[in-house]
């Protein structure tokens, strides 16, 4: 996977699919942000958070990037604890 620090052999099939999708968004900035976030949290996420993360991976890159930068407020129907966790994530 492009840039990942996780060993795919240690992940479930579902986690590998999520990791791939996080690192291959289409917009390079979002590849880096979502991929790094997935690397940091994927192995500790319970099933319900994995499901929420899968939903977030379906959101358009442009919207996610605007929310991440704080340029737009997250619409209520998209707001969730996992999305807030991603938006609070910072690359180090």
C-alpha atoms as a PDB file:
ATOM      1  CA  UNK A   1       0.000   0.000   0.000  1.00  0.00           C
ATOM      2  CA  UNK A   2       1.221   3.435  -0.855  1.00  0.00           C
ATOM      3  CA  UNK A   3       2.865   4.918   2.215  1.00  0.00           C
ATOM      4  CA  UNK A   4       1.294   2.677   4.831  1.00  0.00           C
ATOM      5  CA  UNK A   5       3.232   1.745   7.920  1.00  0.00           C
ATOM      6  CA  UNK A   6       1.018  -1.238   8.748  1.00  0.00           C
ATOM      7  CA  UNK A   7       1.841  -4.830   7.871  1.00  0.00           C
ATOM      8  CA  UNK A   8      -1.118  -5.975   5.773  1.00  0.00           C
ATOM      9  CA  UNK A   9      -0.483  -9.565   6.836  1.00  0.00           C
ATOM     10  CA  UNK A  10      -1.476  -8.638  10.394  1.00  0.00           C
ATOM     11  CA  UNK A  11      -4.864  -7.255   9.315  1.00  0.00           C
ATOM     12  CA  UNK A  12      -8.212  -8.858   8.605  1.00  0.00           C
ATOM     13  CA  UNK A  13      -9.524  -8.794   5.049  1.00  0.00           C
ATOM     14  CA  UNK A  14     -11.905  -5.997   6.018  1.00  0.00           C
ATOM     15  CA  UNK A  15      -9.114  -3.939   7.569  1.00  0.00           C
ATOM     16  CA  UNK A  16      -6.921  -4.444   4.478  1.00  0.00           C
ATOM     17  CA  UNK A  17      -9.754  -3.234   2.247  1.00  0.00           C
ATOM     18  CA  UNK A  18     -10.323  -0.160   4.431  1.00  0.00           C
ATOM     19  CA  UNK A  19      -6.596   0.568   4.506  1.00  0.00           C
ATOM     20  CA  UNK A  20      -6.355   0.327   0.713  1.00  0.00           C
ATOM     21  CA  UNK A  21      -9.347   2.637   0.266  1.00  0.00           C
ATOM     22  CA  UNK A  22      -7.901   5.141   2.755  1.00  0.00           C
ATOM     23  CA  UNK A  23      -4.577   5.296   0.882  1.00  0.00           C
ATOM     24  CA  UNK A  24      -6.155   5.416  -2.616  1.00  0.00           C
ATOM     25  CA  UNK A  25      -8.689   8.233  -2.458  1.00  0.00           C
ATOM     26  CA  UNK A  26      -7.988   9.988  -5.742  1.00  0.00           C
ATOM     27  CA  UNK A  27      -6.889  13.312  -4.264  1.00  0.00           C
ATOM     28  CA  UNK A  28      -3.288  13.000  -3.049  1.00  0.00           C
ATOM     29  CA  UNK A  29      -3.838  15.241  -0.043  1.00  0.00           C
ATOM     30  CA  UNK A  30      -6.674  12.994   1.110  1.00  0.00           C
ATOM     31  CA  UNK A  31      -4.594   9.873   0.412  1.00  0.00           C
ATOM     32  CA  UNK A  32      -2.015  11.174   2.870  1.00  0.00           C
ATOM     33  CA  UNK A  33      -4.508  12.318   5.504  1.00  0.00           C
ATOM     34  CA  UNK A  34      -6.871   9.336   5.400  1.00  0.00           C
ATOM     35  CA  UNK A  35      -4.063   6.838   4.945  1.00  0.00           C
ATOM     36  CA  UNK A  36      -2.074   8.149   7.888  1.00  0.00           C
ATOM     37  CA  UNK A  37      -5.231   8.217  10.015  1.00  0.00           C
ATOM     38  CA  UNK A  38      -6.007   4.612   9.053  1.00  0.00           C
ATOM     39  CA  UNK A  39      -2.444   3.589   9.919  1.00  0.00           C
ATOM     40  CA  UNK A  40      -2.813   5.216  13.334  1.00  0.00           C
ATOM     41  CA  UNK A  41      -6.215   3.865  14.364  1.00  0.00           C
ATOM     42  CA  UNK A  42      -7.312   0.948  12.207  1.00  0.00           C
ATOM     43  CA  UNK A  43      -6.035  -1.872  14.401  1.00  0.00           C
ATOM     44  CA  UNK A  44      -7.725  -0.477  17.517  1.00  0.00           C
ATOM     45  CA  UNK A  45     -11.129   0.343  16.044  1.00  0.00           C
ATOM     46  CA  UNK A  46     -14.076  -1.755  17.225  1.00  0.00           C
ATOM     47  CA  UNK A  47     -16.529  -3.092  14.623  1.00  0.00           C
ATOM     48  CA  UNK A  48     -18.972  -0.174  14.923  1.00  0.00           C
ATOM     49  CA  UNK A  49     -16.189   2.347  14.323  1.00  0.00           C
ATOM     50  CA  UNK A  50     -14.923   0.336  11.343  1.00  0.00           C
ATOM     51  CA  UNK A  51     -18.431   0.544   9.869  1.00  0.00           C
ATOM     52  CA  UNK A  52     -18.499   4.296  10.410  1.00  0.00           C
ATOM     53  CA  UNK A  53     -15.029   4.685   8.881  1.00  0.00           C
ATOM     54  CA  UNK A  54     -16.224   2.749   5.814  1.00  0.00           C
ATOM     55  CA  UNK A  55     -19.065   5.279   5.435  1.00  0.00           C
ATOM     56  CA  UNK A  56     -16.619   8.167   5.721  1.00  0.00           C
ATOM     57  CA  UNK A  57     -14.488   6.640   2.962  1.00  0.00           C
ATOM     58  CA  UNK A  58     -17.481   7.078   0.637  1.00  0.00           C
ATOM     59  CA  UNK A  59     -17.676  10.851   1.221  1.00  0.00           C
ATOM     60  CA  UNK A  60     -16.274  13.058  -1.552  1.00  0.00           C
ATOM     61  CA  UNK A  61     -12.656  14.122  -1.104  1.00  0.00           C
ATOM     62  CA  UNK A  62     -13.477  17.773  -1.693  1.00  0.00           C
ATOM     63  CA  UNK A  63     -15.993  17.817   1.177  1.00  0.00           C
ATOM     64  CA  UNK A  64     -13.699  15.953   3.566  1.00  0.00           C
ATOM     65  CA  UNK A  65     -10.818  18.269   2.755  1.00  0.00           C
ATOM     66  CA  UNK A  66     -12.946  21.400   3.364  1.00  0.00           C
ATOM     67  CA  UNK A  67     -14.102  19.989   6.714  1.00  0.00           C
ATOM     68  CA  UNK A  68     -10.533  19.018   7.624  1.00  0.00           C
ATOM     69  CA  UNK A  69      -9.259  22.526   6.877  1.00  0.00           C
ATOM     70  CA  UNK A  70     -12.213  24.087   8.704  1.00  0.00           C
ATOM     71  CA  UNK A  71     -13.416  25.886   5.578  1.00  0.00           C
ATOM     72  CA  UNK A  72     -16.937  24.470   5.962  1.00  0.00           C
ATOM     73  CA  UNK A  73     -19.033  23.204   8.843  1.00  0.00           C
ATOM     74  CA  UNK A  74     -19.823  19.485   8.774  1.00  0.00           C
ATOM     75  CA  UNK A  75     -23.460  18.939   7.797  1.00  0.00           C
ATOM     76  CA  UNK A  76     -25.375  17.277  10.636  1.00  0.00           C
ATOM     77  CA  UNK A  77     -26.160  14.151   8.606  1.00  0.00           C
ATOM     78  CA  UNK A  78     -22.412  13.460   8.146  1.00  0.00           C
ATOM     79  CA  UNK A  79     -21.253  14.318  11.652  1.00  0.00           C
ATOM     80  CA  UNK A  80     -20.072  11.352  13.747  1.00  0.00           C
ATOM     81  CA  UNK A  81     -17.507  10.591  16.460  1.00  0.00           C
ATOM     82  CA  UNK A  82     -15.213   8.843  13.963  1.00  0.00           C
ATOM     83  CA  UNK A  83     -15.376  11.775  11.537  1.00  0.00           C
ATOM     84  CA  UNK A  84     -14.602  14.161  14.405  1.00  0.00           C
ATOM     85  CA  UNK A  85     -11.679  11.925  15.386  1.00  0.00           C
ATOM     86  CA  UNK A  86     -10.361  12.084  11.809  1.00  0.00           C
ATOM     87  CA  UNK A  87     -10.796  15.842  11.643  1.00  0.00           C
ATOM     88  CA  UNK A  88      -8.870  16.248  14.911  1.00  0.00           C
ATOM     89  CA  UNK A  89      -6.063  14.014  13.600  1.00  0.00           C
ATOM     90  CA  UNK A  90      -2.854  15.768  12.678  1.00  0.00           C
ATOM     91  CA  UNK A  91       0.094  14.356  10.840  1.00  0.00           C
ATOM     92  CA  UNK A  92       3.251  14.356  12.899  1.00  0.00           C
END
